[in-house]
Amino acid sequence: MKWFQKLLIGLVAFLTLGIITPTHDIWSSLQEKEGSKEVGPSIESDEQLIEFAEETIETEDEFPLEDVFIVKARELSYEKFGSKIAPVISSEFEENVFPKIDEAIRETLNSSSDVHKHQLAMSQKPAGDYSEKIFNLYDEMDKKDLIRFHVRTDKRPQEGYYFNFHYHKADDNYMKHYSLGDIYWSKDTPPKWLS
């Protein structure tokens, strides 16, 4: 559940563009409102220790689990692109590729039982250099990936470089490429991921 707490803090900060941070009064008032309930696990931030009541972790009504994973997927994708690639491909990524990532995540979550959904986690760091991994959605109990999202750099003769977005599923032992789309870079070699 610690990953979920961290994700919730990051989600609030991300959705409010940093206006509301974990040290803001909203967190204190949330604790006071839940003060009579048993205190659950805690997270240490750089500035203070924040304790959450177990009931405040239940965010199904406010932030469905699918939405939490979708926000994190976007965040990890842009982390993978880095500051050199993101500005060039972001509009095409948002328009053509990310909706398919969203759909694949929702499909994976919808095919999981409710109990199993609460055991799912997302990898925390995309791969750099020229590695393909953006993020994986996996089962925390058995540490098995359910779905792996990748981007590969392809060089096409006479055309230049493309980023091929795709995913692999555990159902077929990660053998099949499920295409999410291609985005053209240029004839010049693209920078390494995370740069």
N, C-alpha and C. Protein backbone atom coordinates (compact mmCIF):
# COMPACT_ATOMS: atom_id res chain seq x y z
N MET A 1 0.81 -1.19 0.00
CA MET A 1 0.00 0.00 0.00
C MET A 1 0.86 1.27 0.00
N LYS A 2 2.16 1.14 0.34
CA LYS A 2 3.01 2.33 0.34
C LYS A 2 3.09 2.94 -1.05
N TRP A 3 3.18 2.08 -2.07
CA TRP A 3 3.26 2.59 -3.43
C TRP A 3 2.00 3.37 -3.78
N PHE A 4 0.87 2.92 -3.27
CA PHE A 4 -0.40 3.60 -3.56
C PHE A 4 -0.43 4.97 -2.89
N GLN A 5 0.09 5.05 -1.67
CA GLN A 5 0.13 6.33 -0.97
C GLN A 5 1.03 7.32 -1.72
N LYS A 6 2.20 6.84 -2.14
CA LYS A 6 3.12 7.69 -2.89
C LYS A 6 2.47 8.13 -4.20
N LEU A 7 1.77 7.19 -4.85
CA LEU A 7 1.11 7.49 -6.09
C LEU A 7 0.01 8.53 -5.89
N LEU A 8 -0.73 8.43 -4.79
CA LEU A 8 -1.79 9.38 -4.49
C LEU A 8 -1.21 10.79 -4.30
N ILE A 9 -0.13 10.89 -3.56
CA ILE A 9 0.52 12.19 -3.35
C ILE A 9 1.00 12.75 -4.68
N GLY A 10 1.64 11.91 -5.48
CA GLY A 10 2.13 12.34 -6.79
C GLY A 10 0.98 12.73 -7.71
N LEU A 11 -0.11 11.98 -7.65
CA LEU A 11 -1.27 12.27 -8.48
C LEU A 11 -1.87 13.62 -8.15
N VAL A 12 -2.03 13.92 -6.86
CA VAL A 12 -2.58 15.21 -6.46
C VAL A 12 -1.66 16.34 -6.90
N ALA A 13 -0.37 16.17 -6.66
CA ALA A 13 0.59 17.20 -7.07
C ALA A 13 0.58 17.38 -8.59
N PHE A 14 0.49 16.26 -9.33
CA PHE A 14 0.49 16.31 -10.79
C PHE A 14 -0.79 16.96 -11.32
N LEU A 15 -1.94 16.53 -10.80
CA LEU A 15 -3.22 17.05 -11.29
C LEU A 15 -3.41 18.53 -10.95
N THR A 16 -2.82 18.98 -9.87
CA THR A 16 -2.97 20.39 -9.49
C THR A 16 -1.76 21.22 -9.91
N LEU A 17 -0.92 20.63 -10.75
CA LEU A 17 0.29 21.30 -11.25
C LEU A 17 1.17 21.82 -10.12
N GLY A 18 1.21 21.10 -9.02
CA GLY A 18 2.08 21.44 -7.90
C GLY A 18 1.51 22.47 -6.96
N ILE A 19 0.29 22.94 -7.23
CA ILE A 19 -0.31 23.94 -6.35
C ILE A 19 -0.59 23.34 -4.98
N ILE A 20 -1.09 22.10 -4.98
CA ILE A 20 -1.33 21.41 -3.72
C ILE A 20 -0.22 20.38 -3.56
N THR A 21 0.55 20.52 -2.51
CA THR A 21 1.64 19.59 -2.24
C THR A 21 1.35 18.85 -0.95
N PRO A 22 2.10 17.78 -0.64
CA PRO A 22 1.82 17.02 0.58
C PRO A 22 1.91 17.83 1.86
N THR A 23 2.54 19.00 1.85
CA THR A 23 2.65 19.79 3.07
C THR A 23 1.52 20.80 3.20
N HIS A 24 0.62 20.83 2.24
CA HIS A 24 -0.48 21.79 2.22
C HIS A 24 -1.50 21.47 3.32
N ASP A 25 -2.29 22.45 3.71
CA ASP A 25 -3.28 22.30 4.78
C ASP A 25 -4.30 21.21 4.50
N ILE A 26 -4.54 20.90 3.23
CA ILE A 26 -5.54 19.89 2.92
C ILE A 26 -5.19 18.54 3.56
N TRP A 27 -3.90 18.23 3.61
CA TRP A 27 -3.49 16.95 4.20
C TRP A 27 -3.75 16.96 5.70
N SER A 28 -3.51 18.10 6.35
CA SER A 28 -3.77 18.21 7.79
C SER A 28 -5.25 18.08 8.08
N SER A 29 -6.08 18.76 7.28
CA SER A 29 -7.52 18.68 7.52
C SER A 29 -8.04 17.28 7.24
N LEU A 30 -7.44 16.61 6.30
CA LEU A 30 -7.82 15.23 6.01
C LEU A 30 -7.52 14.35 7.22
N GLN A 31 -6.38 14.59 7.87
CA GLN A 31 -6.01 13.81 9.05
C GLN A 31 -6.95 14.10 10.20
N GLU A 32 -7.31 15.37 10.39
CA GLU A 32 -8.21 15.74 11.48
C GLU A 32 -9.57 15.10 11.29
N LYS A 33 -10.06 15.08 10.05
CA LYS A 33 -11.36 14.50 9.74
C LYS A 33 -11.35 13.01 10.05
N GLU A 34 -10.24 12.37 9.81
CA GLU A 34 -10.11 10.93 10.03
C GLU A 34 -9.47 10.62 11.39
N GLY A 35 -9.29 11.64 12.23
CA GLY A 35 -8.56 11.51 13.49
C GLY A 35 -9.03 10.39 14.39
N SER A 36 -10.31 10.09 14.37
CA SER A 36 -10.82 9.07 15.28
C SER A 36 -10.56 7.66 14.77
N LYS A 37 -10.11 7.55 13.53
CA LYS A 37 -9.86 6.23 12.95
C LYS A 37 -8.42 5.81 13.19
N GLU A 38 -8.19 4.52 13.05
CA GLU A 38 -6.85 3.97 13.28
C GLU A 38 -5.88 4.48 12.21
N VAL A 39 -4.72 4.85 12.63
CA VAL A 39 -3.72 5.37 11.70
C VAL A 39 -2.98 4.22 11.06
N GLY A 40 -2.84 4.30 9.73
CA GLY A 40 -2.18 3.24 8.97
C GLY A 40 -0.73 3.59 8.70
N PRO A 41 -0.20 3.04 7.61
CA PRO A 41 1.21 3.27 7.26
C PRO A 41 1.48 4.74 7.01
N SER A 42 2.74 5.12 7.07
CA SER A 42 3.11 6.52 6.85
C SER A 42 4.15 6.61 5.74
N ILE A 43 4.26 7.83 5.20
CA ILE A 43 5.23 8.13 4.15
C ILE A 43 6.08 9.28 4.64
N GLU A 44 7.37 9.20 4.41
CA GLU A 44 8.22 10.32 4.77
C GLU A 44 8.47 11.16 3.53
N SER A 45 8.19 12.44 3.61
CA SER A 45 8.57 13.35 2.54
C SER A 45 9.81 14.09 3.02
N ASP A 46 10.37 14.92 2.13
CA ASP A 46 11.56 15.67 2.51
C ASP A 46 11.25 16.65 3.63
N GLU A 47 10.00 17.12 3.70
CA GLU A 47 9.69 18.18 4.63
C GLU A 47 9.02 17.71 5.93
N GLN A 48 8.24 16.64 5.88
CA GLN A 48 7.55 16.21 7.09
C GLN A 48 7.09 14.77 6.95
N LEU A 49 6.62 14.20 8.02
CA LEU A 49 6.07 12.86 8.04
C LEU A 49 4.56 12.97 7.93
N ILE A 50 4.00 12.29 6.97
CA ILE A 50 2.55 12.36 6.75
C ILE A 50 1.97 11.00 7.06
N GLU A 51 0.96 10.97 7.92
CA GLU A 51 0.30 9.71 8.24
C GLU A 51 -1.09 9.72 7.64
N PHE A 52 -1.46 8.60 7.06
CA PHE A 52 -2.78 8.47 6.46
C PHE A 52 -3.61 7.49 7.27
N ALA A 53 -4.86 7.82 7.49
CA ALA A 53 -5.78 6.84 8.06
C ALA A 53 -6.08 5.84 6.97
N GLU A 54 -6.30 4.59 7.33
CA GLU A 54 -6.52 3.55 6.34
C GLU A 54 -7.67 3.92 5.41
N GLU A 55 -8.71 4.54 5.92
CA GLU A 55 -9.86 4.88 5.10
C GLU A 55 -9.52 5.92 4.03
N THR A 56 -8.54 6.76 4.26
CA THR A 56 -8.21 7.78 3.26
C THR A 56 -7.50 7.17 2.06
N ILE A 57 -6.99 5.98 2.20
CA ILE A 57 -6.32 5.31 1.09
C ILE A 57 -7.36 4.81 0.09
N GLU A 58 -8.56 4.52 0.55
CA GLU A 58 -9.62 4.04 -0.32
C GLU A 58 -10.08 5.20 -1.20
N THR A 59 -9.60 5.26 -2.43
CA THR A 59 -9.91 6.39 -3.30
C THR A 59 -10.74 5.97 -4.49
N GLU A 60 -11.39 4.83 -4.43
CA GLU A 60 -12.17 4.34 -5.55
C GLU A 60 -13.17 5.37 -6.05
N ASP A 61 -13.83 6.11 -5.12
CA ASP A 61 -14.84 7.07 -5.54
C ASP A 61 -14.21 8.29 -6.18
N GLU A 62 -13.15 8.82 -5.56
CA GLU A 62 -12.51 10.02 -6.06
C GLU A 62 -11.61 9.76 -7.25
N PHE A 63 -10.72 8.80 -7.13
CA PHE A 63 -9.78 8.45 -8.18
C PHE A 63 -9.84 6.95 -8.41
N PRO A 64 -10.59 6.50 -9.41
CA PRO A 64 -10.62 5.06 -9.68
C PRO A 64 -9.20 4.55 -9.94
N LEU A 65 -8.97 3.32 -9.57
CA LEU A 65 -7.65 2.71 -9.72
C LEU A 65 -7.13 2.85 -11.15
N GLU A 66 -8.03 2.70 -12.12
CA GLU A 66 -7.63 2.83 -13.52
C GLU A 66 -7.02 4.20 -13.78
N ASP A 67 -7.66 5.25 -13.24
CA ASP A 67 -7.18 6.61 -13.47
C ASP A 67 -5.81 6.84 -12.83
N VAL A 68 -5.58 6.23 -11.69
CA VAL A 68 -4.28 6.36 -11.03
C VAL A 68 -3.19 5.76 -11.91
N PHE A 69 -3.47 4.58 -12.47
CA PHE A 69 -2.49 3.95 -13.36
C PHE A 69 -2.30 4.75 -14.65
N ILE A 70 -3.37 5.34 -15.16
CA ILE A 70 -3.28 6.12 -16.40
C ILE A 70 -2.40 7.35 -16.18
N VAL A 71 -2.60 8.05 -15.08
CA VAL A 71 -1.79 9.23 -14.77
C VAL A 71 -0.32 8.84 -14.64
N LYS A 72 -0.06 7.75 -13.94
CA LYS A 72 1.32 7.28 -13.76
C LYS A 72 1.93 6.85 -15.10
N ALA A 73 1.12 6.25 -15.97
CA ALA A 73 1.61 5.83 -17.29
C ALA A 73 2.07 7.03 -18.11
N ARG A 74 1.29 8.10 -18.07
CA ARG A 74 1.67 9.32 -18.81
C ARG A 74 2.97 9.89 -18.22
N GLU A 75 3.03 9.93 -16.91
CA GLU A 75 4.21 10.47 -16.24
C GLU A 75 5.47 9.68 -16.60
N LEU A 76 5.39 8.36 -16.57
CA LEU A 76 6.55 7.52 -16.90
C LEU A 76 6.92 7.63 -18.38
N SER A 77 5.92 7.81 -19.24
CA SER A 77 6.20 7.98 -20.67
C SER A 77 7.03 9.23 -20.91
N TYR A 78 6.61 10.33 -20.30
CA TYR A 78 7.35 11.59 -20.49
C TYR A 78 8.72 11.55 -19.81
N GLU A 79 8.82 10.81 -18.72
CA GLU A 79 10.14 10.63 -18.10
C GLU A 79 11.05 9.89 -19.07
N LYS A 80 10.51 8.88 -19.73
CA LYS A 80 11.27 8.10 -20.72
C LYS A 80 11.74 9.01 -21.87
N PHE A 81 10.85 9.87 -22.37
CA PHE A 81 11.20 10.73 -23.50
C PHE A 81 12.31 11.72 -23.14
N GLY A 82 12.32 12.19 -21.92
CA GLY A 82 13.31 13.18 -21.53
C GLY A 82 13.02 14.54 -22.15
N SER A 83 13.83 15.50 -21.83
CA SER A 83 13.58 16.87 -22.27
C SER A 83 13.94 17.12 -23.73
N LYS A 84 14.65 16.20 -24.36
CA LYS A 84 15.02 16.40 -25.76
C LYS A 84 13.99 15.82 -26.72
N ILE A 85 13.40 14.68 -26.38
CA ILE A 85 12.46 14.02 -27.28
C ILE A 85 11.02 14.50 -27.03
N ALA A 86 10.65 14.70 -25.77
CA ALA A 86 9.26 15.03 -25.41
C ALA A 86 8.69 16.21 -26.19
N PRO A 87 9.39 17.36 -26.28
CA PRO A 87 8.78 18.50 -26.98
C PRO A 87 8.49 18.22 -28.45
N VAL A 88 9.26 17.34 -29.05
CA VAL A 88 9.11 17.06 -30.48
C VAL A 88 7.94 16.12 -30.75
N ILE A 89 7.72 15.13 -29.89
CA ILE A 89 6.70 14.11 -30.18
C ILE A 89 5.46 14.20 -29.31
N SER A 90 5.42 15.11 -28.35
CA SER A 90 4.34 15.10 -27.35
C SER A 90 2.93 15.24 -27.96
N SER A 91 2.74 16.11 -28.92
CA SER A 91 1.38 16.29 -29.45
C SER A 91 0.91 15.04 -30.19
N GLU A 92 1.77 14.45 -30.99
CA GLU A 92 1.39 13.22 -31.71
C GLU A 92 1.23 12.05 -30.74
N PHE A 93 2.07 12.01 -29.71
CA PHE A 93 1.94 10.97 -28.70
C PHE A 93 0.58 11.07 -28.00
N GLU A 94 0.21 12.29 -27.58
CA GLU A 94 -1.06 12.49 -26.88
C GLU A 94 -2.26 12.19 -27.78
N GLU A 95 -2.14 12.52 -29.03
CA GLU A 95 -3.27 12.35 -29.95
C GLU A 95 -3.43 10.92 -30.45
N ASN A 96 -2.32 10.25 -30.78
CA ASN A 96 -2.41 8.95 -31.45
C ASN A 96 -2.01 7.74 -30.62
N VAL A 97 -1.03 7.90 -29.75
CA VAL A 97 -0.49 6.74 -29.03
C VAL A 97 -1.08 6.59 -27.63
N PHE A 98 -1.10 7.67 -26.86
CA PHE A 98 -1.53 7.54 -25.46
C PHE A 98 -2.96 7.03 -25.30
N PRO A 99 -3.91 7.42 -26.16
CA PRO A 99 -5.25 6.83 -26.01
C PRO A 99 -5.25 5.29 -26.11
N LYS A 100 -4.34 4.75 -26.90
CA LYS A 100 -4.24 3.29 -27.04
C LYS A 100 -3.58 2.68 -25.80
N ILE A 101 -2.62 3.40 -25.19
CA ILE A 101 -2.03 2.94 -23.93
C ILE A 101 -3.11 2.92 -22.86
N ASP A 102 -3.88 3.98 -22.79
CA ASP A 102 -5.00 4.09 -21.85
C ASP A 102 -5.94 2.89 -22.01
N GLU A 103 -6.33 2.61 -23.25
CA GLU A 103 -7.25 1.51 -23.54
C GLU A 103 -6.66 0.16 -23.12
N ALA A 104 -5.38 -0.06 -23.40
CA ALA A 104 -4.73 -1.34 -23.05
C ALA A 104 -4.66 -1.52 -21.53
N ILE A 105 -4.38 -0.43 -20.79
CA ILE A 105 -4.33 -0.52 -19.33
C ILE A 105 -5.71 -0.84 -18.78
N ARG A 106 -6.72 -0.13 -19.26
CA ARG A 106 -8.10 -0.35 -18.79
C ARG A 106 -8.56 -1.77 -19.11
N GLU A 107 -8.22 -2.25 -20.29
CA GLU A 107 -8.59 -3.61 -20.68
C GLU A 107 -7.93 -4.63 -19.75
N THR A 108 -6.66 -4.41 -19.43
CA THR A 108 -5.94 -5.31 -18.53
C THR A 108 -6.56 -5.29 -17.14
N LEU A 109 -6.88 -4.10 -16.64
CA LEU A 109 -7.49 -3.99 -15.31
C LEU A 109 -8.90 -4.58 -15.29
N ASN A 110 -9.65 -4.38 -16.36
CA ASN A 110 -11.01 -4.93 -16.41
C ASN A 110 -11.03 -6.44 -16.50
N SER A 111 -9.96 -7.03 -17.01
CA SER A 111 -9.89 -8.48 -17.10
C SER A 111 -9.40 -9.11 -15.79
N SER A 112 -8.99 -8.27 -14.83
CA SER A 112 -8.52 -8.75 -13.53
C SER A 112 -9.66 -8.72 -12.53
N SER A 113 -9.65 -9.65 -11.59
CA SER A 113 -10.66 -9.64 -10.54
C SER A 113 -10.41 -8.46 -9.61
N ASP A 114 -11.43 -8.05 -8.85
CA ASP A 114 -11.28 -6.91 -7.94
C ASP A 114 -10.18 -7.13 -6.93
N VAL A 115 -10.08 -8.35 -6.40
CA VAL A 115 -9.04 -8.65 -5.43
C VAL A 115 -7.67 -8.53 -6.09
N HIS A 116 -7.58 -9.05 -7.30
CA HIS A 116 -6.30 -9.02 -8.01
C HIS A 116 -5.89 -7.59 -8.36
N LYS A 117 -6.86 -6.72 -8.68
CA LYS A 117 -6.55 -5.33 -9.03
C LYS A 117 -5.77 -4.63 -7.93
N HIS A 118 -6.08 -4.94 -6.69
CA HIS A 118 -5.41 -4.27 -5.57
C HIS A 118 -4.02 -4.84 -5.31
N GLN A 119 -3.64 -5.86 -6.07
CA GLN A 119 -2.30 -6.41 -5.95
C GLN A 119 -1.42 -5.96 -7.12
N LEU A 120 -1.97 -5.12 -8.00
CA LEU A 120 -1.22 -4.67 -9.16
C LEU A 120 -0.38 -3.45 -8.84
N ALA A 121 0.74 -3.37 -9.50
CA ALA A 121 1.64 -2.23 -9.32
C ALA A 121 2.25 -1.88 -10.68
N MET A 122 2.86 -0.71 -10.75
CA MET A 122 3.49 -0.25 -11.98
C MET A 122 4.97 -0.02 -11.69
N SER A 123 5.82 -0.44 -12.62
CA SER A 123 7.24 -0.22 -12.45
C SER A 123 7.49 1.28 -12.28
N GLN A 124 8.54 1.63 -11.58
CA GLN A 124 8.77 3.02 -11.19
C GLN A 124 9.75 3.79 -12.06
N LYS A 125 10.51 3.09 -12.91
CA LYS A 125 11.55 3.78 -13.67
C LYS A 125 11.64 3.22 -15.09
N PRO A 126 11.50 4.07 -16.10
CA PRO A 126 11.70 3.60 -17.47
C PRO A 126 13.18 3.37 -17.75
N ALA A 127 13.47 2.57 -18.76
CA ALA A 127 14.86 2.28 -19.12
C ALA A 127 15.43 3.42 -19.97
N GLY A 128 16.71 3.67 -19.81
CA GLY A 128 17.39 4.73 -20.56
C GLY A 128 18.17 4.18 -21.73
N ASP A 129 19.12 4.96 -22.19
CA ASP A 129 19.96 4.65 -23.36
C ASP A 129 19.08 4.32 -24.56
N TYR A 130 19.21 3.12 -25.09
CA TYR A 130 18.39 2.72 -26.24
C TYR A 130 17.49 1.54 -25.89
N SER A 131 17.30 1.28 -24.59
CA SER A 131 16.42 0.19 -24.15
C SER A 131 14.96 0.56 -24.42
N GLU A 132 14.11 -0.45 -24.58
CA GLU A 132 12.73 -0.24 -24.99
C GLU A 132 11.75 0.06 -23.86
N LYS A 133 12.00 -0.42 -22.67
CA LYS A 133 10.99 -0.38 -21.61
C LYS A 133 10.55 1.03 -21.23
N ILE A 134 9.21 1.24 -21.24
CA ILE A 134 8.64 2.46 -20.70
C ILE A 134 8.18 2.14 -19.27
N PHE A 135 7.27 1.16 -19.14
CA PHE A 135 6.82 0.70 -17.83
C PHE A 135 6.14 -0.65 -17.98
N ASN A 136 6.02 -1.34 -16.86
CA ASN A 136 5.33 -2.63 -16.80
C ASN A 136 4.24 -2.54 -15.74
N LEU A 137 3.15 -3.22 -15.97
CA LEU A 137 2.09 -3.39 -14.97
C LEU A 137 2.25 -4.82 -14.49
N TYR A 138 2.44 -5.00 -13.18
CA TYR A 138 2.74 -6.34 -12.68
C TYR A 138 1.96 -6.66 -11.42
N ASP A 139 1.94 -7.95 -11.10
CA ASP A 139 1.29 -8.46 -9.89
C ASP A 139 2.32 -8.40 -8.77
N GLU A 140 2.02 -7.66 -7.71
CA GLU A 140 2.96 -7.50 -6.60
C GLU A 140 3.21 -8.81 -5.85
N MET A 141 2.22 -9.68 -5.81
CA MET A 141 2.36 -10.92 -5.04
C MET A 141 3.38 -11.86 -5.68
N ASP A 142 3.20 -12.14 -6.98
CA ASP A 142 4.12 -13.09 -7.62
C ASP A 142 5.18 -12.42 -8.48
N LYS A 143 5.20 -11.07 -8.49
CA LYS A 143 6.20 -10.29 -9.23
C LYS A 143 6.23 -10.64 -10.72
N LYS A 144 5.07 -10.99 -11.27
CA LYS A 144 4.98 -11.34 -12.68
C LYS A 144 4.35 -10.19 -13.46
N ASP A 145 4.99 -9.79 -14.56
CA ASP A 145 4.45 -8.74 -15.41
C ASP A 145 3.18 -9.24 -16.10
N LEU A 146 2.16 -8.38 -16.13
CA LEU A 146 0.94 -8.70 -16.88
C LEU A 146 1.01 -8.09 -18.27
N ILE A 147 1.58 -6.88 -18.33
CA ILE A 147 1.67 -6.17 -19.59
C ILE A 147 2.91 -5.27 -19.56
N ARG A 148 3.64 -5.25 -20.66
CA ARG A 148 4.87 -4.47 -20.76
C ARG A 148 4.74 -3.46 -21.91
N PHE A 149 4.94 -2.20 -21.60
CA PHE A 149 4.86 -1.15 -22.62
C PHE A 149 6.27 -0.73 -23.04
N HIS A 150 6.50 -0.74 -24.35
CA HIS A 150 7.83 -0.47 -24.89
C HIS A 150 7.76 0.56 -26.01
N VAL A 151 8.90 1.18 -26.28
CA VAL A 151 9.08 2.00 -27.47
C VAL A 151 10.45 1.65 -28.06
N ARG A 152 10.43 1.34 -29.35
CA ARG A 152 11.65 0.94 -30.05
C ARG A 152 11.98 1.99 -31.11
N THR A 153 13.25 2.25 -31.30
CA THR A 153 13.68 3.18 -32.34
C THR A 153 13.98 2.37 -33.60
N ASP A 154 13.25 2.67 -34.68
CA ASP A 154 13.44 1.98 -35.95
C ASP A 154 14.01 2.95 -36.97
N LYS A 155 15.01 2.47 -37.74
CA LYS A 155 15.55 3.28 -38.84
C LYS A 155 15.04 2.67 -40.15
N ARG A 156 14.31 3.47 -40.89
CA ARG A 156 13.76 3.01 -42.16
C ARG A 156 14.57 3.65 -43.29
N PRO A 157 15.09 2.83 -44.19
CA PRO A 157 15.91 3.36 -45.30
C PRO A 157 15.15 4.43 -46.08
N GLN A 158 15.84 5.48 -46.43
CA GLN A 158 15.32 6.60 -47.21
C GLN A 158 14.29 7.46 -46.46
N GLU A 159 13.88 7.04 -45.26
CA GLU A 159 12.86 7.80 -44.52
C GLU A 159 13.42 8.46 -43.27
N GLY A 160 14.16 7.69 -42.48
CA GLY A 160 14.69 8.21 -41.23
C GLY A 160 14.25 7.36 -40.05
N TYR A 161 14.24 7.98 -38.87
CA TYR A 161 13.97 7.27 -37.63
C TYR A 161 12.52 7.44 -37.18
N TYR A 162 11.97 6.35 -36.69
CA TYR A 162 10.62 6.32 -36.14
C TYR A 162 10.68 5.73 -34.74
N PHE A 163 9.75 6.15 -33.90
CA PHE A 163 9.57 5.52 -32.59
C PHE A 163 8.37 4.60 -32.72
N ASN A 164 8.60 3.31 -32.51
CA ASN A 164 7.53 2.31 -32.59
C ASN A 164 7.06 1.98 -31.18
N PHE A 165 5.84 2.38 -30.86
CA PHE A 165 5.24 2.11 -29.55
C PHE A 165 4.44 0.82 -29.64
N HIS A 166 4.64 -0.06 -28.67
CA HIS A 166 3.95 -1.34 -28.66
C HIS A 166 3.92 -1.89 -27.24
N TYR A 167 3.18 -2.97 -27.05
CA TYR A 167 3.17 -3.64 -25.75
C TYR A 167 3.17 -5.14 -25.93
N HIS A 168 3.51 -5.84 -24.87
CA HIS A 168 3.54 -7.30 -24.82
C HIS A 168 2.68 -7.75 -23.65
N LYS A 169 2.02 -8.89 -23.80
CA LYS A 169 1.15 -9.40 -22.74
C LYS A 169 1.65 -10.75 -22.22
N ALA A 170 1.36 -11.01 -20.96
CA ALA A 170 1.75 -12.29 -20.36
C ALA A 170 0.99 -13.44 -21.00
N ASP A 171 -0.21 -13.17 -21.51
CA ASP A 171 -1.06 -14.21 -22.11
C ASP A 171 -0.33 -15.04 -23.16
N ASP A 172 0.53 -14.40 -23.95
CA ASP A 172 1.25 -15.12 -25.01
C ASP A 172 2.75 -15.18 -24.72
N ASN A 173 3.09 -15.08 -23.44
CA ASN A 173 4.48 -15.15 -22.99
C ASN A 173 5.32 -14.01 -23.58
N TYR A 174 4.70 -12.83 -23.80
CA TYR A 174 5.36 -11.61 -24.26
C TYR A 174 5.96 -11.74 -25.66
N MET A 175 5.47 -12.67 -26.45
CA MET A 175 6.05 -12.91 -27.78
C MET A 175 5.48 -11.97 -28.85
N LYS A 176 4.19 -11.65 -28.78
CA LYS A 176 3.54 -10.85 -29.81
C LYS A 176 3.68 -9.35 -29.52
N HIS A 177 3.89 -8.58 -30.57
CA HIS A 177 3.91 -7.12 -30.48
C HIS A 177 2.49 -6.62 -30.75
N TYR A 178 1.92 -5.89 -29.81
CA TYR A 178 0.63 -5.24 -30.01
C TYR A 178 0.94 -3.78 -30.30
N SER A 179 0.74 -3.37 -31.53
CA SER A 179 1.14 -2.03 -31.96
C SER A 179 0.26 -0.95 -31.36
N LEU A 180 0.92 0.13 -30.93
CA LEU A 180 0.23 1.32 -30.43
C LEU A 180 0.39 2.49 -31.39
N GLY A 181 1.35 2.37 -32.31
CA GLY A 181 1.56 3.42 -33.29
C GLY A 181 3.02 3.79 -33.45
N ASP A 182 3.30 4.50 -34.53
CA ASP A 182 4.65 4.97 -34.84
C ASP A 182 4.64 6.49 -34.89
N ILE A 183 5.73 7.09 -34.43
CA ILE A 183 5.91 8.53 -34.51
C ILE A 183 7.25 8.80 -35.20
N TYR A 184 7.20 9.64 -36.23
CA TYR A 184 8.41 9.97 -36.98
C TYR A 184 9.28 10.93 -36.16
N TRP A 185 10.60 10.68 -36.15
CA TRP A 185 11.54 11.57 -35.48
C TRP A 185 12.17 12.50 -36.51
N SER A 186 13.10 12.00 -37.28
CA SER A 186 13.74 12.75 -38.37
C SER A 186 14.77 11.82 -38.99
N LYS A 187 15.55 12.34 -39.91
CA LYS A 187 16.61 11.52 -40.51
C LYS A 187 17.83 11.47 -39.60
N ASP A 188 17.90 12.36 -38.63
CA ASP A 188 19.01 12.38 -37.68
C ASP A 188 18.77 11.36 -36.57
N THR A 189 19.86 10.81 -36.04
CA THR A 189 19.75 9.84 -34.95
C THR A 189 19.14 10.52 -33.72
N PRO A 190 18.10 9.90 -33.13
CA PRO A 190 17.49 10.52 -31.95
C PRO A 190 18.41 10.42 -30.73
N PRO A 191 18.22 11.30 -29.76
CA PRO A 191 19.02 11.19 -28.53
C PRO A 191 18.63 9.95 -27.74
N LYS A 192 19.44 9.61 -26.76
CA LYS A 192 19.14 8.46 -25.90
C LYS A 192 17.92 8.80 -25.04
N TRP A 193 17.21 7.75 -24.63
CA TRP A 193 16.07 7.94 -23.75
C TRP A 193 16.52 8.51 -22.41
N LEU A 194 15.68 9.23 -21.76
CA LEU A 194 15.88 9.87 -20.45
C LEU A 194 16.81 11.09 -20.53
N SER A 195 17.24 11.46 -21.76
CA SER A 195 18.18 12.60 -21.85
C SER A 195 17.44 13.90 -22.02
